[in-house]
Amino acid sequence: GKVEIAVGAQWNPGETNNLEKSGAVFYLDAPKDRTQLWKPIKLYHEV
């Protein structure tokens, strides 16, 4: 009854070679109290 959340970040459309500087994917691990900060779990990403 509660959503799971993933996000994309490191938005740098002009950089298509460097994976550190362009692109990121995170699954957000929910705390018991969902009004608090969630823990980002970094996943594989493309640029």
All heavy atoms as atom14 arrays in JSON, in Angstrom:
{
  "sequence": "GKVEIAVGAQWNPGETNNLEKSGAVFYLDAPKDRTQLWKPIKLYHEV",
  "atom14_mask": [
    [1, 1, 1, 1, 0, 0, 0, 0, 0, 0, 0, 0, 0, 0],
    [1, 1, 1, 1, 1, 1, 1, 1, 1, 0, 0, 0, 0, 0],
    [1, 1, 1, 1, 1, 1, 1, 0, 0, 0, 0, 0, 0, 0],
    [1, 1, 1, 1, 1, 1, 1, 1, 1, 0, 0, 0, 0, 0],
    [1, 1, 1, 1, 1, 1, 1, 1, 0, 0, 0, 0, 0, 0],
    [1, 1, 1, 1, 1, 0, 0, 0, 0, 0, 0, 0, 0, 0],
    [1, 1, 1, 1, 1, 1, 1, 0, 0, 0, 0, 0, 0, 0],
    [1, 1, 1, 1, 0, 0, 0, 0, 0, 0, 0, 0, 0, 0],
    [1, 1, 1, 1, 1, 0, 0, 0, 0, 0, 0, 0, 0, 0],
    [1, 1, 1, 1, 1, 1, 1, 1, 1, 0, 0, 0, 0, 0],
    [1, 1, 1, 1, 1, 1, 1, 1, 1, 1, 1, 1, 1, 1],
    [1, 1, 1, 1, 1, 1, 1, 1, 0, 0, 0, 0, 0, 0],
    [1, 1, 1, 1, 1, 1, 1, 0, 0, 0, 0, 0, 0, 0],
    [1, 1, 1, 1, 0, 0, 0, 0, 0, 0, 0, 0, 0, 0],
    [1, 1, 1, 1, 1, 1, 1, 1, 1, 0, 0, 0, 0, 0],
    [1, 1, 1, 1, 1, 1, 1, 0, 0, 0, 0, 0, 0, 0],
    [1, 1, 1, 1, 1, 1, 1, 1, 0, 0, 0, 0, 0, 0],
    [1, 1, 1, 1, 1, 1, 1, 1, 0, 0, 0, 0, 0, 0],
    [1, 1, 1, 1, 1, 1, 1, 1, 0, 0, 0, 0, 0, 0],
    [1, 1, 1, 1, 1, 1, 1, 1, 1, 0, 0, 0, 0, 0],
    [1, 1, 1, 1, 1, 1, 1, 1, 1, 0, 0, 0, 0, 0],
    [1, 1, 1, 1, 1, 1, 0, 0, 0, 0, 0, 0, 0, 0],
    [1, 1, 1, 1, 0, 0, 0, 0, 0, 0, 0, 0, 0, 0],
    [1, 1, 1, 1, 1, 0, 0, 0, 0, 0, 0, 0, 0, 0],
    [1, 1, 1, 1, 1, 1, 1, 0, 0, 0, 0, 0, 0, 0],
    [1, 1, 1, 1, 1, 1, 1, 1, 1, 1, 1, 0, 0, 0],
    [1, 1, 1, 1, 1, 1, 1, 1, 1, 1, 1, 1, 0, 0],
    [1, 1, 1, 1, 1, 1, 1, 1, 0, 0, 0, 0, 0, 0],
    [1, 1, 1, 1, 1, 1, 1, 1, 0, 0, 0, 0, 0, 0],
    [1, 1, 1, 1, 1, 0, 0, 0, 0, 0, 0, 0, 0, 0],
    [1, 1, 1, 1, 1, 1, 1, 0, 0, 0, 0, 0, 0, 0],
    [1, 1, 1, 1, 1, 1, 1, 1, 1, 0, 0, 0, 0, 0],
    [1, 1, 1, 1, 1, 1, 1, 1, 0, 0, 0, 0, 0, 0],
    [1, 1, 1, 1, 1, 1, 1, 1, 1, 1, 1, 0, 0, 0],
    [1, 1, 1, 1, 1, 1, 1, 0, 0, 0, 0, 0, 0, 0],
    [1, 1, 1, 1, 1, 1, 1, 1, 1, 0, 0, 0, 0, 0],
    [1, 1, 1, 1, 1, 1, 1, 1, 0, 0, 0, 0, 0, 0],
    [1, 1, 1, 1, 1, 1, 1, 1, 1, 1, 1, 1, 1, 1],
    [1, 1, 1, 1, 1, 1, 1, 1, 1, 0, 0, 0, 0, 0],
    [1, 1, 1, 1, 1, 1, 1, 0, 0, 0, 0, 0, 0, 0],
    [1, 1, 1, 1, 1, 1, 1, 1, 0, 0, 0, 0, 0, 0],
    [1, 1, 1, 1, 1, 1, 1, 1, 1, 0, 0, 0, 0, 0],
    [1, 1, 1, 1, 1, 1, 1, 1, 0, 0, 0, 0, 0, 0],
    [1, 1, 1, 1, 1, 1, 1, 1, 1, 1, 1, 1, 0, 0],
    [1, 1, 1, 1, 1, 1, 1, 1, 1, 1, 0, 0, 0, 0],
    [1, 1, 1, 1, 1, 1, 1, 1, 1, 0, 0, 0, 0, 0],
    [1, 1, 1, 1, 1, 1, 1, 0, 0, 0, 0, 0, 0, 0]
  ],
  "atom14_positions": [
    [[0.78, -1.22, 0.0], [0.0, 0.0, 0.0], [0.82, 1.28, 0.0], [0.25, 2.38, 0.07], [0.0, 0.0, 0.0], [0.0, 0.0, 0.0], [0.0, 0.0, 0.0], [0.0, 0.0, 0.0], [0.0, 0.0, 0.0], [0.0, 0.0, 0.0], [0.0, 0.0, 0.0], [0.0, 0.0, 0.0], [0.0, 0.0, 0.0], [0.0, 0.0, 0.0]],
    [[2.14, 1.16, -0.11], [3.03, 2.33, -0.14], [3.99, 2.2, -1.32], [4.47, 1.1, -1.61], [3.82, 2.43, 1.18], [2.94, 2.72, 2.39], [3.73, 2.67, 3.69], [3.98, 1.23, 4.11], [4.52, 1.14, 5.49], [0.0, 0.0, 0.0], [0.0, 0.0, 0.0], [0.0, 0.0, 0.0], [0.0, 0.0, 0.0], [0.0, 0.0, 0.0]],
    [[4.28, 3.33, -1.96], [5.1, 3.28, -3.16], [6.57, 3.05, -2.85], [7.08, 3.45, -1.8], [4.96, 4.58, -3.98], [3.57, 4.73, -4.53], [5.38, 5.81, -3.17], [0.0, 0.0, 0.0], [0.0, 0.0, 0.0], [0.0, 0.0, 0.0], [0.0, 0.0, 0.0], [0.0, 0.0, 0.0], [0.0, 0.0, 0.0], [0.0, 0.0, 0.0]],
    [[7.23, 2.37, -3.78], [8.69, 2.33, -3.83], [9.13, 3.42, -4.82], [8.44, 3.7, -5.8], [9.19, 0.96, -4.27], [9.2, -0.09, -3.16], [7.8, -0.44, -2.66], [6.91, -0.71, -3.49], [7.6, -0.42, -1.43], [0.0, 0.0, 0.0], [0.0, 0.0, 0.0], [0.0, 0.0, 0.0], [0.0, 0.0, 0.0], [0.0, 0.0, 0.0]],
    [[10.31, 3.99, -4.56], [10.73, 5.16, -5.31], [12.15, 4.99, -5.85], [13.05, 4.54, -5.13], [10.67, 6.43, -4.43], [9.24, 6.65, -3.93], [11.15, 7.67, -5.2], [9.12, 7.71, -2.86], [0.0, 0.0, 0.0], [0.0, 0.0, 0.0], [0.0, 0.0, 0.0], [0.0, 0.0, 0.0], [0.0, 0.0, 0.0], [0.0, 0.0, 0.0]],
    [[12.34, 5.35, -7.11], [13.66, 5.41, -7.72], [13.8, 6.78, -8.38], [12.8, 7.38, -8.8], [13.85, 4.3, -8.74], [0.0, 0.0, 0.0], [0.0, 0.0, 0.0], [0.0, 0.0, 0.0], [0.0, 0.0, 0.0], [0.0, 0.0, 0.0], [0.0, 0.0, 0.0], [0.0, 0.0, 0.0], [0.0, 0.0, 0.0], [0.0, 0.0, 0.0]],
    [[15.03, 7.26, -8.5], [15.25, 8.58, -9.09], [16.49, 8.54, -9.99], [17.39, 7.73, -9.82], [15.43, 9.67, -8.01], [14.17, 9.8, -7.18], [16.63, 9.39, -7.12], [0.0, 0.0, 0.0], [0.0, 0.0, 0.0], [0.0, 0.0, 0.0], [0.0, 0.0, 0.0], [0.0, 0.0, 0.0], [0.0, 0.0, 0.0], [0.0, 0.0, 0.0]],
    [[16.5, 9.46, -10.96], [17.66, 9.67, -11.81], [18.25, 11.04, -11.53], [17.53, 12.01, -11.27], [0.0, 0.0, 0.0], [0.0, 0.0, 0.0], [0.0, 0.0, 0.0], [0.0, 0.0, 0.0], [0.0, 0.0, 0.0], [0.0, 0.0, 0.0], [0.0, 0.0, 0.0], [0.0, 0.0, 0.0], [0.0, 0.0, 0.0], [0.0, 0.0, 0.0]],
    [[19.59, 11.13, -11.59], [20.26, 12.38, -11.23], [21.52, 12.56, -12.09], [21.71, 11.86, -13.09], [20.6, 12.38, -9.74], [0.0, 0.0, 0.0], [0.0, 0.0, 0.0], [0.0, 0.0, 0.0], [0.0, 0.0, 0.0], [0.0, 0.0, 0.0], [0.0, 0.0, 0.0], [0.0, 0.0, 0.0], [0.0, 0.0, 0.0], [0.0, 0.0, 0.0]],
    [[22.38, 13.5, -11.64], [23.61, 13.88, -12.36], [23.27, 14.2, -13.82], [23.87, 13.7, -14.78], [24.65, 12.75, -12.27], [26.07, 13.15, -12.66], [26.75, 14.06, -11.65], [26.12, 14.88, -11.0], [28.07, 13.92, -11.52], [0.0, 0.0, 0.0], [0.0, 0.0, 0.0], [0.0, 0.0, 0.0], [0.0, 0.0, 0.0], [0.0, 0.0, 0.0]],
    [[22.27, 15.1, -13.97], [21.8, 15.47, -15.3], [22.83, 16.37, -15.98], [23.01, 17.53, -15.61], [20.46, 16.15, -15.2], [19.88, 16.66, -16.49], [19.45, 17.93, -16.75], [19.65, 15.92, -17.69], [18.97, 18.03, -18.03], [19.09, 16.8, -18.64], [19.88, 14.58, -18.06], [18.74, 16.41, -19.93], [19.53, 14.18, -19.35], [18.97, 15.08, -20.25]],
    [[23.51, 15.82, -16.97], [24.58, 16.52, -17.67], [24.55, 16.08, -19.13], [25.39, 15.3, -19.58], [25.93, 16.21, -17.02], [27.07, 17.02, -17.6], [26.86, 17.89, -18.45], [28.29, 16.74, -17.17], [0.0, 0.0, 0.0], [0.0, 0.0, 0.0], [0.0, 0.0, 0.0], [0.0, 0.0, 0.0], [0.0, 0.0, 0.0], [0.0, 0.0, 0.0]],
    [[23.55, 16.57, -19.9], [23.33, 16.04, -21.25], [24.47, 16.3, -22.22], [24.56, 15.63, -23.25], [22.05, 16.76, -21.69], [22.0, 17.99, -20.86], [22.58, 17.62, -19.54], [0.0, 0.0, 0.0], [0.0, 0.0, 0.0], [0.0, 0.0, 0.0], [0.0, 0.0, 0.0], [0.0, 0.0, 0.0], [0.0, 0.0, 0.0], [0.0, 0.0, 0.0]],
    [[25.35, 17.24, -21.92], [26.47, 17.51, -22.81], [27.64, 16.57, -22.63], [28.57, 16.56, -23.45], [0.0, 0.0, 0.0], [0.0, 0.0, 0.0], [0.0, 0.0, 0.0], [0.0, 0.0, 0.0], [0.0, 0.0, 0.0], [0.0, 0.0, 0.0], [0.0, 0.0, 0.0], [0.0, 0.0, 0.0], [0.0, 0.0, 0.0], [0.0, 0.0, 0.0]],
    [[27.62, 15.73, -21.57], [28.7, 14.79, -21.31], [28.21, 13.37, -21.61], [27.36, 12.84, -20.89], [29.14, 14.89, -19.84], [30.2, 13.88, -19.42], [31.43, 13.94, -20.3], [32.16, 14.95, -20.22], [31.66, 12.97, -21.07], [0.0, 0.0, 0.0], [0.0, 0.0, 0.0], [0.0, 0.0, 0.0], [0.0, 0.0, 0.0], [0.0, 0.0, 0.0]],
    [[28.74, 12.79, -22.66], [28.3, 11.45, -23.07], [29.38, 10.39, -22.95], [29.18, 9.25, -23.38], [27.77, 11.47, -24.52], [28.87, 11.8, -25.4], [26.65, 12.48, -24.69], [0.0, 0.0, 0.0], [0.0, 0.0, 0.0], [0.0, 0.0, 0.0], [0.0, 0.0, 0.0], [0.0, 0.0, 0.0], [0.0, 0.0, 0.0], [0.0, 0.0, 0.0]],
    [[30.51, 10.73, -22.35], [31.61, 9.77, -22.2], [31.9, 9.4, -20.75], [32.13, 8.23, -20.44], [32.88, 10.34, -22.84], [32.83, 10.34, -24.35], [32.89, 9.29, -24.99], [32.71, 11.53, -24.93], [0.0, 0.0, 0.0], [0.0, 0.0, 0.0], [0.0, 0.0, 0.0], [0.0, 0.0, 0.0], [0.0, 0.0, 0.0], [0.0, 0.0, 0.0]],
    [[31.88, 10.37, -19.87], [32.33, 10.17, -18.49], [31.16, 9.78, -17.59], [30.28, 10.59, -17.3], [32.99, 11.46, -17.99], [33.73, 11.26, -16.69], [33.3, 10.52, -15.81], [34.87, 11.93, -16.56], [0.0, 0.0, 0.0], [0.0, 0.0, 0.0], [0.0, 0.0, 0.0], [0.0, 0.0, 0.0], [0.0, 0.0, 0.0], [0.0, 0.0, 0.0]],
    [[31.16, 8.53, -17.12], [30.08, 8.03, -16.28], [30.06, 8.66, -14.89], [29.03, 8.62, -14.21], [30.18, 6.5, -16.15], [29.76, 5.69, -17.39], [30.17, 4.24, -17.24], [28.26, 5.79, -17.61], [0.0, 0.0, 0.0], [0.0, 0.0, 0.0], [0.0, 0.0, 0.0], [0.0, 0.0, 0.0], [0.0, 0.0, 0.0], [0.0, 0.0, 0.0]],
    [[31.17, 9.22, -14.46], [31.18, 9.89, -13.17], [30.53, 11.27, -13.25], [29.96, 11.75, -12.27], [32.61, 10.01, -12.65], [33.25, 8.68, -12.3], [34.63, 8.87, -11.69], [35.06, 10.03, -11.51], [35.28, 7.84, -11.38], [0.0, 0.0, 0.0], [0.0, 0.0, 0.0], [0.0, 0.0, 0.0], [0.0, 0.0, 0.0], [0.0, 0.0, 0.0]],
    [[30.62, 11.89, -14.4], [30.11, 13.24, -14.55], [28.72, 13.3, -15.18], [28.11, 14.37, -15.24], [31.08, 14.07, -15.4], [32.44, 14.28, -14.75], [33.33, 15.15, -15.64], [34.68, 15.4, -14.98], [35.56, 16.25, -15.84], [0.0, 0.0, 0.0], [0.0, 0.0, 0.0], [0.0, 0.0, 0.0], [0.0, 0.0, 0.0], [0.0, 0.0, 0.0]],
    [[28.22, 12.19, -15.66], [26.93, 12.19, -16.35], [26.14, 10.93, -16.02], [26.62, 9.82, -16.23], [27.15, 12.29, -17.86], [25.93, 12.29, -18.56], [0.0, 0.0, 0.0], [0.0, 0.0, 0.0], [0.0, 0.0, 0.0], [0.0, 0.0, 0.0], [0.0, 0.0, 0.0], [0.0, 0.0, 0.0], [0.0, 0.0, 0.0], [0.0, 0.0, 0.0]],
    [[24.94, 11.13, -15.5], [24.05, 10.02, -15.22], [24.2, 9.44, -13.83], [25.32, 9.32, -13.33], [0.0, 0.0, 0.0], [0.0, 0.0, 0.0], [0.0, 0.0, 0.0], [0.0, 0.0, 0.0], [0.0, 0.0, 0.0], [0.0, 0.0, 0.0], [0.0, 0.0, 0.0], [0.0, 0.0, 0.0], [0.0, 0.0, 0.0], [0.0, 0.0, 0.0]],
    [[23.09, 9.09, -13.21], [23.07, 8.38, -11.93], [21.67, 7.82, -11.72], [20.68, 8.43, -12.13], [23.45, 9.31, -10.77], [0.0, 0.0, 0.0], [0.0, 0.0, 0.0], [0.0, 0.0, 0.0], [0.0, 0.0, 0.0], [0.0, 0.0, 0.0], [0.0, 0.0, 0.0], [0.0, 0.0, 0.0], [0.0, 0.0, 0.0], [0.0, 0.0, 0.0]],
    [[21.6, 6.65, -11.1], [20.32, 6.01, -10.77], [20.38, 5.59, -9.31], [21.35, 4.97, -8.86], [20.04, 4.78, -11.66], [18.74, 4.1, -11.24], [19.99, 5.18, -13.13], [0.0, 0.0, 0.0], [0.0, 0.0, 0.0], [0.0, 0.0, 0.0], [0.0, 0.0, 0.0], [0.0, 0.0, 0.0], [0.0, 0.0, 0.0], [0.0, 0.0, 0.0]],
    [[19.32, 5.91, -8.56], [19.25, 5.55, -7.15], [17.89, 4.91, -6.85], [16.84, 5.39, -7.31], [19.4, 6.77, -6.24], [20.71, 7.48, -6.34], [20.88, 8.53, -7.24], [21.78, 7.11, -5.54], [22.09, 9.2, -7.33], [22.99, 7.77, -5.62], [23.15, 8.81, -6.52], [0.0, 0.0, 0.0], [0.0, 0.0, 0.0], [0.0, 0.0, 0.0]],
    [[17.92, 3.83, -6.07], [16.71, 3.37, -5.4], [16.73, 4.01, -4.01], [17.76, 4.02, -3.34], [16.69, 1.84, -5.28], [15.56, 1.35, -4.4], [14.26, 1.35, -4.86], [15.82, 0.89, -3.1], [13.22, 0.92, -4.05], [14.78, 0.46, -2.29], [13.48, 0.47, -2.77], [12.46, 0.06, -1.97], [0.0, 0.0, 0.0], [0.0, 0.0, 0.0]],
    [[15.59, 4.56, -3.6], [15.51, 5.21, -2.3], [14.88, 4.24, -1.29], [13.72, 3.85, -1.43], [14.69, 6.5, -2.39], [15.24, 7.59, -3.32], [14.37, 8.83, -3.24], [16.69, 7.92, -2.99], [0.0, 0.0, 0.0], [0.0, 0.0, 0.0], [0.0, 0.0, 0.0], [0.0, 0.0, 0.0], [0.0, 0.0, 0.0], [0.0, 0.0, 0.0]],
    [[15.68, 3.85, -0.31], [15.24, 2.91, 0.72], [14.5, 3.68, 1.81], [15.06, 4.58, 2.45], [16.46, 2.19, 1.3], [16.07, 0.96, 2.11], [14.99, 0.4, 1.86], [16.86, 0.57, 2.98], [0.0, 0.0, 0.0], [0.0, 0.0, 0.0], [0.0, 0.0, 0.0], [0.0, 0.0, 0.0], [0.0, 0.0, 0.0], [0.0, 0.0, 0.0]],
    [[13.24, 3.32, 2.04], [12.38, 4.1, 2.93], [12.69, 3.86, 4.4], [12.85, 2.71, 4.83], [10.92, 3.77, 2.65], [0.0, 0.0, 0.0], [0.0, 0.0, 0.0], [0.0, 0.0, 0.0], [0.0, 0.0, 0.0], [0.0, 0.0, 0.0], [0.0, 0.0, 0.0], [0.0, 0.0, 0.0], [0.0, 0.0, 0.0], [0.0, 0.0, 0.0]],
    [[12.73, 4.91, 5.22], [12.83, 4.75, 6.66], [11.45, 4.39, 7.24], [10.43, 4.46, 6.53], [13.27, 6.13, 7.13], [12.67, 7.06, 6.13], [12.68, 6.33, 4.81], [0.0, 0.0, 0.0], [0.0, 0.0, 0.0], [0.0, 0.0, 0.0], [0.0, 0.0, 0.0], [0.0, 0.0, 0.0], [0.0, 0.0, 0.0], [0.0, 0.0, 0.0]],
    [[11.41, 4.02, 8.5], [10.13, 3.7, 9.13], [9.22, 4.91, 9.09], [8.01, 4.79, 8.81], [10.37, 3.25, 10.58], [9.09, 2.79, 11.28], [9.4, 2.24, 12.66], [8.13, 1.75, 13.34], [8.4, 1.2, 14.7], [0.0, 0.0, 0.0], [0.0, 0.0, 0.0], [0.0, 0.0, 0.0], [0.0, 0.0, 0.0], [0.0, 0.0, 0.0]],
    [[9.76, 6.07, 9.38], [9.02, 7.32, 9.28], [9.31, 7.92, 7.9], [10.37, 8.47, 7.65], [9.45, 8.29, 10.39], [8.72, 9.63, 10.32], [7.92, 9.83, 9.37], [8.96, 10.46, 11.2], [0.0, 0.0, 0.0], [0.0, 0.0, 0.0], [0.0, 0.0, 0.0], [0.0, 0.0, 0.0], [0.0, 0.0, 0.0], [0.0, 0.0, 0.0]],
    [[8.34, 7.82, 7.01], [8.57, 8.21, 5.62], [8.62, 9.72, 5.42], [8.82, 10.18, 4.29], [7.51, 7.56, 4.72], [7.73, 6.05, 4.57], [6.78, 5.42, 3.58], [7.28, 4.1, 3.19], [7.22, 3.6, 1.96], [6.68, 4.31, 0.99], [7.69, 2.4, 1.7], [0.0, 0.0, 0.0], [0.0, 0.0, 0.0], [0.0, 0.0, 0.0]],
    [[8.44, 10.49, 6.46], [8.61, 11.93, 6.34], [10.08, 12.33, 6.51], [10.44, 13.49, 6.28], [7.77, 12.68, 7.38], [8.27, 12.39, 8.7], [6.31, 12.29, 7.3], [0.0, 0.0, 0.0], [0.0, 0.0, 0.0], [0.0, 0.0, 0.0], [0.0, 0.0, 0.0], [0.0, 0.0, 0.0], [0.0, 0.0, 0.0], [0.0, 0.0, 0.0]],
    [[10.93, 11.37, 6.89], [12.35, 11.64, 7.06], [13.12, 11.35, 5.77], [12.55, 10.86, 4.79], [12.89, 10.8, 8.22], [12.17, 11.01, 9.55], [12.23, 12.44, 10.01], [13.31, 13.01, 10.17], [11.06, 13.06, 10.21], [0.0, 0.0, 0.0], [0.0, 0.0, 0.0], [0.0, 0.0, 0.0], [0.0, 0.0, 0.0], [0.0, 0.0, 0.0]],
    [[14.41, 11.64, 5.77], [15.23, 11.36, 4.59], [15.31, 9.86, 4.32], [15.44, 9.06, 5.25], [16.64, 11.92, 4.78], [16.82, 13.44, 4.69], [18.25, 13.81, 5.02], [16.44, 13.94, 3.3], [0.0, 0.0, 0.0], [0.0, 0.0, 0.0], [0.0, 0.0, 0.0], [0.0, 0.0, 0.0], [0.0, 0.0, 0.0], [0.0, 0.0, 0.0]],
    [[15.26, 9.49, 3.02], [15.38, 8.11, 2.6], [16.83, 7.83, 2.23], [17.56, 8.72, 1.81], [14.46, 7.83, 1.42], [12.99, 7.98, 1.73], [12.41, 8.85, 2.61], [11.92, 7.26, 1.12], [11.05, 8.71, 2.6], [10.71, 7.74, 1.69], [11.86, 6.26, 0.16], [9.46, 7.24, 1.31], [10.62, 5.77, -0.21], [9.44, 6.25, 0.37]],
    [[17.23, 6.55, 2.35], [18.61, 6.18, 2.06], [18.79, 5.88, 0.57], [18.14, 4.99, 0.03], [19.01, 4.95, 2.87], [20.45, 4.5, 2.63], [20.78, 3.26, 3.45], [22.21, 2.78, 3.18], [22.52, 1.55, 3.95], [0.0, 0.0, 0.0], [0.0, 0.0, 0.0], [0.0, 0.0, 0.0], [0.0, 0.0, 0.0], [0.0, 0.0, 0.0]],
    [[19.66, 6.6, -0.12], [19.89, 6.33, -1.55], [20.78, 5.11, -1.76], [21.87, 5.01, -1.19], [20.56, 7.6, -2.05], [21.24, 8.19, -0.85], [20.41, 7.79, 0.34], [0.0, 0.0, 0.0], [0.0, 0.0, 0.0], [0.0, 0.0, 0.0], [0.0, 0.0, 0.0], [0.0, 0.0, 0.0], [0.0, 0.0, 0.0], [0.0, 0.0, 0.0]],
    [[20.31, 4.17, -2.58], [21.09, 2.99, -2.97], [21.49, 3.19, -4.43], [20.64, 3.23, -5.32], [20.26, 1.69, -2.83], [19.64, 1.58, -1.43], [21.12, 0.48, -3.17], [20.63, 1.47, -0.32], [0.0, 0.0, 0.0], [0.0, 0.0, 0.0], [0.0, 0.0, 0.0], [0.0, 0.0, 0.0], [0.0, 0.0, 0.0], [0.0, 0.0, 0.0]],
    [[22.78, 3.33, -4.67], [23.23, 3.65, -6.02], [23.23, 2.39, -6.89], [23.77, 1.35, -6.51], [24.63, 4.27, -5.99], [25.03, 4.92, -7.31], [26.28, 5.77, -7.18], [26.58, 6.5, -8.48], [27.76, 7.39, -8.37], [0.0, 0.0, 0.0], [0.0, 0.0, 0.0], [0.0, 0.0, 0.0], [0.0, 0.0, 0.0], [0.0, 0.0, 0.0]],
    [[22.64, 2.51, -8.09], [22.55, 1.41, -9.04], [23.43, 1.71, -10.26], [23.96, 2.81, -10.4], [21.1, 1.21, -9.49], [20.03, 1.1, -8.39], [18.67, 0.81, -9.02], [20.39, 0.04, -7.37], [0.0, 0.0, 0.0], [0.0, 0.0, 0.0], [0.0, 0.0, 0.0], [0.0, 0.0, 0.0], [0.0, 0.0, 0.0], [0.0, 0.0, 0.0]],
    [[23.54, 0.71, -11.14], [24.26, 0.92, -12.39], [23.61, 2.06, -13.17], [22.4, 2.29, -13.08], [24.23, -0.36, -13.23], [24.77, -0.16, -14.62], [26.13, -0.19, -14.87], [23.9, 0.09, -15.68], [26.62, 0.03, -16.16], [24.38, 0.3, -16.96], [25.75, 0.27, -17.19], [26.22, 0.5, -18.45], [0.0, 0.0, 0.0], [0.0, 0.0, 0.0]],
    [[24.39, 2.76, -13.99], [23.8, 3.78, -14.84], [24.56, 3.92, -16.14], [25.73, 3.53, -16.26], [23.75, 5.13, -14.13], [25.1, 5.77, -13.94], [25.91, 5.49, -12.86], [25.78, 6.68, -14.7], [27.03, 6.2, -12.96], [26.98, 6.92, -14.07], [0.0, 0.0, 0.0], [0.0, 0.0, 0.0], [0.0, 0.0, 0.0], [0.0, 0.0, 0.0]],
    [[23.9, 4.46, -17.13], [24.49, 4.92, -18.37], [24.67, 6.44, -18.27], [24.22, 7.07, -17.3], [23.58, 4.57, -19.55], [23.4, 3.08, -19.77], [24.45, 2.48, -20.68], [24.38, 2.65, -21.91], [25.37, 1.81, -20.14], [0.0, 0.0, 0.0], [0.0, 0.0, 0.0], [0.0, 0.0, 0.0], [0.0, 0.0, 0.0], [0.0, 0.0, 0.0]],
    [[25.28, 7.04, -19.28], [25.36, 8.5, -19.32], [23.99, 9.09, -19.64], [23.13, 8.42, -20.21], [26.39, 9.0, -20.36], [27.81, 8.62, -19.95], [26.06, 8.45, -21.75], [0.0, 0.0, 0.0], [0.0, 0.0, 0.0], [0.0, 0.0, 0.0], [0.0, 0.0, 0.0], [0.0, 0.0, 0.0], [0.0, 0.0, 0.0], [0.0, 0.0, 0.0]]
  ]
}
